[in-house]
Amino acid sequence: MNPTTPLPRYGLSDLPRVPLLPVHESALQQARERMLGPGFWRAAKLSAMREVLALAQISRLELIGIDPTTELRVLVRMRCCVPCLPPAAPEPVIERTVELSLRYGEEILRGPQPGYSIVEILKPLHVHHPNVSQGPAQRLCLAASLPRGYPLREAIVASYAALTLQSVTVDERDPAGVMSPAAARFWQQHMDRIPLSREPFLAPPVGDAPTGGSA
């Protein structure tokens, strides 16, 4: 490709046509050989896995690990503003990366699932967010419930929007996702700080990124 030719920009609907890097193609092939379960579930896992690999090439996402043997388990790191409240802090501090554990089970193809069933925040700790449960298991609730067939790619994008407070529920009386009433009350009183970032989740293609500025 001519170095002066702009690289293509992809959206979420373009994920099936994003050409995978050789290392990702290899990972996909190895996963195909390890997958267990009925045919329809293996096909669904393979499709979801390919979308995650493609997403990691065009967004703020970095793939850490993936295991599609039975259910699909994915570990990712995301460049993302995350509000945290460590025990000694007088008010939230903003971390710039988050590590997520994603659990995508066959049951999502059979019917609606709880909104907190897919995403758990591993790092940082002490996330101070209305839609994140308190304690060692920091579950991120994406909605009151997730519809049958909810795509894993949508869970990833929704996680970014929620954690940056681009999309958030701050009314503790709202059943659609509030897991921490204390955090909900805090952000009700500090709406002027919302969102934490307006940066889009999808990043410019490699080699087409702007110079200068912060991530």
C-alpha atoms as a PDB file:
ATOM      1  CA  MET A   1       0.000   0.000   0.000  1.00  0.00           C
ATOM      2  CA  ASN A   2       1.243   3.478  -0.841  1.00  0.00           C
ATOM      3  CA  PRO A   3       2.301   5.118   2.474  1.00  0.00           C
ATOM      4  CA  THR A   4       0.391   8.264   1.481  1.00  0.00           C
ATOM      5  CA  THR A   5      -2.846   6.331   0.980  1.00  0.00           C
ATOM      6  CA  PRO A   6      -5.193   6.724   3.994  1.00  0.00           C
ATOM      7  CA  LEU A   7      -5.789   3.450   5.795  1.00  0.00           C
ATOM      8  CA  PRO A   8      -9.421   2.318   5.963  1.00  0.00           C
ATOM      9  CA  ARG A   9     -11.490   3.211   8.990  1.00  0.00           C
ATOM     10  CA  TYR A  10     -13.807   0.552  10.310  1.00  0.00           C
ATOM     11  CA  GLY A  11     -16.974   0.660  12.370  1.00  0.00           C
ATOM     12  CA  LEU A  12     -18.587  -2.065  14.464  1.00  0.00           C
ATOM     13  CA  SER A  13     -20.595  -3.281  11.480  1.00  0.00           C
ATOM     14  CA  ASP A  14     -17.328  -3.764   9.571  1.00  0.00           C
ATOM     15  CA  LEU A  15     -15.718  -6.214  12.004  1.00  0.00           C
ATOM     16  CA  PRO A  16     -16.226  -9.282   9.765  1.00  0.00           C
ATOM     17  CA  ARG A  17     -14.138  -7.640   7.011  1.00  0.00           C
ATOM     18  CA  VAL A  18     -11.300  -6.322   9.190  1.00  0.00           C
ATOM     19  CA  PRO A  19      -8.246  -8.315   8.019  1.00  0.00           C
ATOM     20  CA  LEU A  20      -6.759 -10.083  11.022  1.00  0.00           C
ATOM     21  CA  LEU A  21      -3.097  -9.898  11.859  1.00  0.00           C
ATOM     22  CA  PRO A  22      -1.250 -13.225  11.415  1.00  0.00           C
ATOM     23  CA  VAL A  23      -0.997 -13.721  15.175  1.00  0.00           C
ATOM     24  CA  HIS A  24      -4.765 -13.314  15.468  1.00  0.00           C
ATOM     25  CA  GLU A  25      -5.451 -15.645  12.560  1.00  0.00           C
ATOM     26  CA  SER A  26      -3.276 -18.232  14.300  1.00  0.00           C
ATOM     27  CA  ALA A  27      -5.133 -17.766  17.578  1.00  0.00           C
ATOM     28  CA  LEU A  28      -8.450 -18.230  15.779  1.00  0.00           C
ATOM     29  CA  GLN A  29      -7.283 -21.454  14.165  1.00  0.00           C
ATOM     30  CA  GLN A  30      -6.003 -22.848  17.464  1.00  0.00           C
ATOM     31  CA  ALA A  31      -9.299 -21.950  19.130  1.00  0.00           C
ATOM     32  CA  ARG A  32     -11.273 -23.741  16.423  1.00  0.00           C
ATOM     33  CA  GLU A  33      -9.409 -26.936  17.254  1.00  0.00           C
ATOM     34  CA  ARG A  34     -10.039 -26.653  21.022  1.00  0.00           C
ATOM     35  CA  MET A  35     -13.704 -25.661  21.093  1.00  0.00           C
ATOM     36  CA  LEU A  36     -16.215 -27.989  22.693  1.00  0.00           C
ATOM     37  CA  GLY A  37     -19.991 -27.985  22.582  1.00  0.00           C
ATOM     38  CA  PRO A  38     -22.739 -28.405  19.977  1.00  0.00           C
ATOM     39  CA  GLY A  39     -22.142 -27.090  16.479  1.00  0.00           C
ATOM     40  CA  PHE A  40     -24.267 -23.955  16.821  1.00  0.00           C
ATOM     41  CA  TRP A  41     -22.402 -22.965  19.996  1.00  0.00           C
ATOM     42  CA  ARG A  42     -18.971 -23.582  18.486  1.00  0.00           C
ATOM     43  CA  ALA A  43     -19.947 -21.423  15.506  1.00  0.00           C
ATOM     44  CA  ALA A  44     -21.212 -18.652  17.794  1.00  0.00           C
ATOM     45  CA  LYS A  45     -18.007 -18.714  19.858  1.00  0.00           C
ATOM     46  CA  LEU A  46     -15.843 -18.607  16.756  1.00  0.00           C
ATOM     47  CA  SER A  47     -17.775 -15.629  15.381  1.00  0.00           C
ATOM     48  CA  ALA A  48     -17.640 -13.772  18.703  1.00  0.00           C
ATOM     49  CA  MET A  49     -13.932 -14.497  19.073  1.00  0.00           C
ATOM     50  CA  ARG A  50     -13.140 -13.207  15.592  1.00  0.00           C
ATOM     51  CA  GLU A  51     -15.011  -9.984  16.338  1.00  0.00           C
ATOM     52  CA  VAL A  52     -13.028  -9.491  19.552  1.00  0.00           C
ATOM     53  CA  LEU A  53      -9.745 -10.045  17.697  1.00  0.00           C
ATOM     54  CA  ALA A  54     -10.761  -7.565  15.007  1.00  0.00           C
ATOM     55  CA  LEU A  55     -11.931  -5.080  17.634  1.00  0.00           C
ATOM     56  CA  ALA A  56      -8.531  -5.247  19.328  1.00  0.00           C
ATOM     57  CA  GLN A  57      -6.987  -3.980  16.078  1.00  0.00           C
ATOM     58  CA  ILE A  58      -9.193  -0.913  15.620  1.00  0.00           C
ATOM     59  CA  SER A  59     -10.041   0.277  19.125  1.00  0.00           C
ATOM     60  CA  ARG A  60      -8.751   1.032  22.615  1.00  0.00           C
ATOM     61  CA  LEU A  61      -8.848  -2.674  23.394  1.00  0.00           C
ATOM     62  CA  GLU A  62      -5.901  -5.003  24.009  1.00  0.00           C
ATOM     63  CA  LEU A  63      -6.412  -8.755  24.197  1.00  0.00           C
ATOM     64  CA  ILE A  64      -4.659 -10.425  27.154  1.00  0.00           C
ATOM     65  CA  GLY A  65      -6.015 -13.954  26.948  1.00  0.00           C
ATOM     66  CA  ILE A  66      -8.849 -16.026  25.547  1.00  0.00           C
ATOM     67  CA  ASP A  67     -10.251 -19.494  26.288  1.00  0.00           C
ATOM     68  CA  PRO A  68     -13.100 -20.762  24.079  1.00  0.00           C
ATOM     69  CA  THR A  69     -13.019 -24.400  25.239  1.00  0.00           C
ATOM     70  CA  THR A  70     -16.465 -24.551  26.870  1.00  0.00           C
ATOM     71  CA  GLU A  71     -17.868 -21.092  27.514  1.00  0.00           C
ATOM     72  CA  LEU A  72     -15.983 -18.212  25.905  1.00  0.00           C
ATOM     73  CA  ARG A  73     -13.746 -16.450  28.451  1.00  0.00           C
ATOM     74  CA  VAL A  74     -11.810 -13.356  27.439  1.00  0.00           C
ATOM     75  CA  LEU A  75      -9.366 -11.141  29.349  1.00  0.00           C
ATOM     76  CA  VAL A  76      -8.847  -7.655  27.941  1.00  0.00           C
ATOM     77  CA  ARG A  77      -7.136  -4.405  28.833  1.00  0.00           C
ATOM     78  CA  MET A  78      -8.762  -1.160  27.769  1.00  0.00           C
ATOM     79  CA  ARG A  79      -7.463   2.412  27.616  1.00  0.00           C
ATOM     80  CA  CYS A  80     -10.326   3.959  29.503  1.00  0.00           C
ATOM     81  CA  CYS A  81     -11.008   6.515  32.251  1.00  0.00           C
ATOM     82  CA  VAL A  82     -12.282   4.723  35.365  1.00  0.00           C
ATOM     83  CA  PRO A  83     -13.390   6.466  38.602  1.00  0.00           C
ATOM     84  CA  CYS A  84     -11.961   4.836  41.748  1.00  0.00           C
ATOM     85  CA  LEU A  85     -12.277   5.636  45.439  1.00  0.00           C
ATOM     86  CA  PRO A  86      -9.370   4.095  47.399  1.00  0.00           C
ATOM     87  CA  PRO A  87      -9.977   3.839  51.169  1.00  0.00           C
ATOM     88  CA  ALA A  88      -7.866   6.915  52.052  1.00  0.00           C
ATOM     89  CA  ALA A  89      -8.970   9.115  49.139  1.00  0.00           C
ATOM     90  CA  PRO A  90     -11.305  12.048  49.935  1.00  0.00           C
ATOM     91  CA  GLU A  91     -12.964  11.771  46.517  1.00  0.00           C
ATOM     92  CA  PRO A  92     -12.629   9.656  43.370  1.00  0.00           C
ATOM     93  CA  VAL A  93      -9.403   9.501  41.395  1.00  0.00           C
ATOM     94  CA  ILE A  94      -9.359   8.666  37.707  1.00  0.00           C
ATOM     95  CA  GLU A  95      -7.400   5.652  36.504  1.00  0.00           C
ATOM     96  CA  ARG A  96      -6.526   5.411  32.816  1.00  0.00           C
ATOM     97  CA  THR A  97      -6.664   1.675  32.135  1.00  0.00           C
ATOM     98  CA  VAL A  98      -8.994  -1.126  33.110  1.00  0.00           C
ATOM     99  CA  GLU A  99      -8.714  -4.914  32.909  1.00  0.00           C
ATOM    100  CA  LEU A 100     -11.922  -6.823  32.293  1.00  0.00           C
ATOM    101  CA  SER A 101     -12.872 -10.482  32.515  1.00  0.00           C
ATOM    102  CA  LEU A 102     -15.638 -11.346  30.056  1.00  0.00           C
ATOM    103  CA  ARG A 103     -17.671 -14.511  30.454  1.00  0.00           C
ATOM    104  CA  TYR A 104     -19.847 -15.411  27.468  1.00  0.00           C
ATOM    105  CA  GLY A 105     -21.888 -18.542  28.103  1.00  0.00           C
ATOM    106  CA  GLU A 106     -24.098 -20.664  25.875  1.00  0.00           C
ATOM    107  CA  GLU A 107     -27.122 -19.540  27.895  1.00  0.00           C
ATOM    108  CA  ILE A 108     -27.007 -16.108  26.206  1.00  0.00           C
ATOM    109  CA  LEU A 109     -28.205 -17.833  23.021  1.00  0.00           C
ATOM    110  CA  ARG A 110     -31.173 -19.394  24.817  1.00  0.00           C
ATOM    111  CA  GLY A 111     -32.749 -16.410  26.543  1.00  0.00           C
ATOM    112  CA  PRO A 112     -32.285 -13.062  28.330  1.00  0.00           C
ATOM    113  CA  GLN A 113     -29.569 -12.867  31.002  1.00  0.00           C
ATOM    114  CA  PRO A 114     -28.929 -10.542  33.969  1.00  0.00           C
ATOM    115  CA  GLY A 115     -27.200  -7.322  33.009  1.00  0.00           C
ATOM    116  CA  TYR A 116     -24.254  -8.095  35.296  1.00  0.00           C
ATOM    117  CA  SER A 117     -23.600 -11.601  33.950  1.00  0.00           C
ATOM    118  CA  ILE A 118     -20.838 -10.879  31.402  1.00  0.00           C
ATOM    119  CA  VAL A 119     -18.369  -8.260  32.663  1.00  0.00           C
ATOM    120  CA  GLU A 120     -16.202  -8.231  35.789  1.00  0.00           C
ATOM    121  CA  ILE A 121     -13.566  -5.561  36.498  1.00  0.00           C
ATOM    122  CA  LEU A 122     -10.275  -7.079  37.665  1.00  0.00           C
ATOM    123  CA  LYS A 123      -8.217  -3.877  37.800  1.00  0.00           C
ATOM    124  CA  PRO A 124      -8.261  -1.239  39.135  1.00  0.00           C
ATOM    125  CA  LEU A 125      -9.751  -1.932  42.544  1.00  0.00           C
ATOM    126  CA  HIS A 126     -12.223   0.285  44.427  1.00  0.00           C
ATOM    127  CA  VAL A 127     -14.116   1.355  41.290  1.00  0.00           C
ATOM    128  CA  HIS A 128     -16.582   4.081  42.336  1.00  0.00           C
ATOM    129  CA  HIS A 129     -19.300   3.750  39.747  1.00  0.00           C
ATOM    130  CA  PRO A 130     -23.100   3.502  40.035  1.00  0.00           C
ATOM    131  CA  ASN A 131     -23.231   0.403  37.827  1.00  0.00           C
ATOM    132  CA  VAL A 132     -20.347  -1.492  39.480  1.00  0.00           C
ATOM    133  CA  SER A 133     -20.860  -3.746  42.499  1.00  0.00           C
ATOM    134  CA  GLN A 134     -18.712  -3.199  45.572  1.00  0.00           C
ATOM    135  CA  GLY A 135     -16.386  -5.859  46.964  1.00  0.00           C
ATOM    136  CA  PRO A 136     -13.808  -8.252  45.539  1.00  0.00           C
ATOM    137  CA  ALA A 137     -16.046  -9.185  42.587  1.00  0.00           C
ATOM    138  CA  GLN A 138     -16.592  -5.894  40.771  1.00  0.00           C
ATOM    139  CA  ARG A 139     -19.466  -6.734  38.437  1.00  0.00           C
ATOM    140  CA  LEU A 140     -20.358  -4.165  35.794  1.00  0.00           C
ATOM    141  CA  CYS A 141     -24.087  -4.057  35.100  1.00  0.00           C
ATOM    142  CA  LEU A 142     -24.802  -3.054  31.506  1.00  0.00           C
ATOM    143  CA  ALA A 143     -28.615  -3.027  31.759  1.00  0.00           C
ATOM    144  CA  ALA A 144     -31.498  -4.474  33.752  1.00  0.00           C
ATOM    145  CA  SER A 145     -31.212  -7.527  31.492  1.00  0.00           C
ATOM    146  CA  LEU A 146     -29.394  -8.508  28.317  1.00  0.00           C
ATOM    147  CA  PRO A 147     -31.492  -9.763  25.411  1.00  0.00           C
ATOM    148  CA  ARG A 148     -31.158 -13.225  23.953  1.00  0.00           C
ATOM    149  CA  GLY A 149     -28.200 -13.345  21.573  1.00  0.00           C
ATOM    150  CA  TYR A 150     -26.571 -10.189  22.975  1.00  0.00           C
ATOM    151  CA  PRO A 151     -23.238  -9.887  21.081  1.00  0.00           C
ATOM    152  CA  LEU A 152     -19.991  -9.942  23.015  1.00  0.00           C
ATOM    153  CA  ARG A 153     -18.724  -6.993  20.965  1.00  0.00           C
ATOM    154  CA  GLU A 154     -21.660  -4.935  22.269  1.00  0.00           C
ATOM    155  CA  ALA A 155     -20.750  -5.833  25.850  1.00  0.00           C
ATOM    156  CA  ILE A 156     -17.229  -4.504  25.270  1.00  0.00           C
ATOM    157  CA  VAL A 157     -18.395  -1.251  23.692  1.00  0.00           C
ATOM    158  CA  ALA A 158     -21.064  -0.776  26.369  1.00  0.00           C
ATOM    159  CA  SER A 159     -18.417  -1.311  29.060  1.00  0.00           C
ATOM    160  CA  TYR A 160     -16.326   1.519  27.634  1.00  0.00           C
ATOM    161  CA  ALA A 161     -19.330   3.852  27.462  1.00  0.00           C
ATOM    162  CA  ALA A 162     -20.358   2.996  31.030  1.00  0.00           C
ATOM    163  CA  LEU A 163     -16.931   3.308  32.649  1.00  0.00           C
ATOM    164  CA  THR A 164     -16.188   6.675  31.033  1.00  0.00           C
ATOM    165  CA  LEU A 165     -19.657   7.785  32.202  1.00  0.00           C
ATOM    166  CA  GLN A 166     -20.685   8.479  28.630  1.00  0.00           C
ATOM    167  CA  SER A 167     -23.622   6.208  29.417  1.00  0.00           C
ATOM    168  CA  VAL A 168     -24.525   5.749  33.077  1.00  0.00           C
ATOM    169  CA  THR A 169     -27.495   5.328  35.424  1.00  0.00           C
ATOM    170  CA  VAL A 170     -27.195   7.595  38.477  1.00  0.00           C
ATOM    171  CA  ASP A 171     -30.691   7.234  39.969  1.00  0.00           C
ATOM    172  CA  GLU A 172     -30.414   4.632  42.739  1.00  0.00           C
ATOM    173  CA  ARG A 173     -34.170   3.973  42.427  1.00  0.00           C
ATOM    174  CA  ASP A 174     -33.738   2.923  38.798  1.00  0.00           C
ATOM    175  CA  PRO A 175     -33.664  -0.886  38.504  1.00  0.00           C
ATOM    176  CA  ALA A 176     -31.728  -0.700  35.222  1.00  0.00           C
ATOM    177  CA  GLY A 177     -28.254  -1.243  36.492  1.00  0.00           C
ATOM    178  CA  VAL A 178     -27.502   0.588  39.757  1.00  0.00           C
ATOM    179  CA  MET A 179     -25.191  -1.620  41.831  1.00  0.00           C
ATOM    180  CA  SER A 180     -23.714   1.046  44.140  1.00  0.00           C
ATOM    181  CA  PRO A 181     -26.213   3.563  45.569  1.00  0.00           C
ATOM    182  CA  ALA A 182     -23.378   5.507  47.247  1.00  0.00           C
ATOM    183  CA  ALA A 183     -21.605   6.017  43.924  1.00  0.00           C
ATOM    184  CA  ALA A 184     -24.913   6.910  42.271  1.00  0.00           C
ATOM    185  CA  ARG A 185     -25.540   9.644  44.858  1.00  0.00           C
ATOM    186  CA  PHE A 186     -21.993  10.988  44.439  1.00  0.00           C
ATOM    187  CA  TRP A 187     -22.313  11.322  40.673  1.00  0.00           C
ATOM    188  CA  GLN A 188     -25.811  12.824  41.024  1.00  0.00           C
ATOM    189  CA  GLN A 189     -24.116  15.652  42.911  1.00  0.00           C
ATOM    190  CA  HIS A 190     -21.271  15.980  40.393  1.00  0.00           C
ATOM    191  CA  MET A 191     -23.017  15.853  37.049  1.00  0.00           C
ATOM    192  CA  ASP A 192     -20.694  18.611  35.843  1.00  0.00           C
ATOM    193  CA  ARG A 193     -17.860  16.037  35.793  1.00  0.00           C
ATOM    194  CA  ILE A 194     -19.748  13.677  33.488  1.00  0.00           C
ATOM    195  CA  PRO A 195     -18.559  12.236  31.147  1.00  0.00           C
ATOM    196  CA  LEU A 196     -15.028  11.498  32.276  1.00  0.00           C
ATOM    197  CA  SER A 197     -13.919  11.389  28.642  1.00  0.00           C
ATOM    198  CA  ARG A 198     -15.446  12.068  25.252  1.00  0.00           C
ATOM    199  CA  GLU A 199     -12.834  10.026  23.393  1.00  0.00           C
ATOM    200  CA  PRO A 200     -14.483   7.474  21.083  1.00  0.00           C
ATOM    201  CA  PHE A 201     -13.870   3.790  21.672  1.00  0.00           C
ATOM    202  CA  LEU A 202     -12.841   3.104  18.095  1.00  0.00           C
ATOM    203  CA  ALA A 203      -9.329   4.421  17.493  1.00  0.00           C
ATOM    204  CA  PRO A 204      -7.677   5.562  14.237  1.00  0.00           C
ATOM    205  CA  PRO A 205      -6.038   2.715  12.304  1.00  0.00           C
ATOM    206  CA  VAL A 206      -2.414   1.902  13.121  1.00  0.00           C
ATOM    207  CA  GLY A 207      -0.230   4.318  11.179  1.00  0.00           C
ATOM    208  CA  ASP A 208      -3.058   6.851  10.903  1.00  0.00           C
ATOM    209  CA  ALA A 209      -3.086   8.120  14.490  1.00  0.00           C
ATOM    210  CA  PRO A 210      -2.831  11.854  15.203  1.00  0.00           C
ATOM    211  CA  THR A 211       0.442  13.115  16.612  1.00  0.00           C
ATOM    212  CA  GLY A 212       0.642  14.750  20.028  1.00  0.00           C
ATOM    213  CA  GLY A 213      -2.058  14.843  22.675  1.00  0.00           C
ATOM    214  CA  SER A 214      -2.996  12.187  25.180  1.00  0.00           C
ATOM    215  CA  ALA A 215      -4.721   8.862  24.803  1.00  0.00           C
END
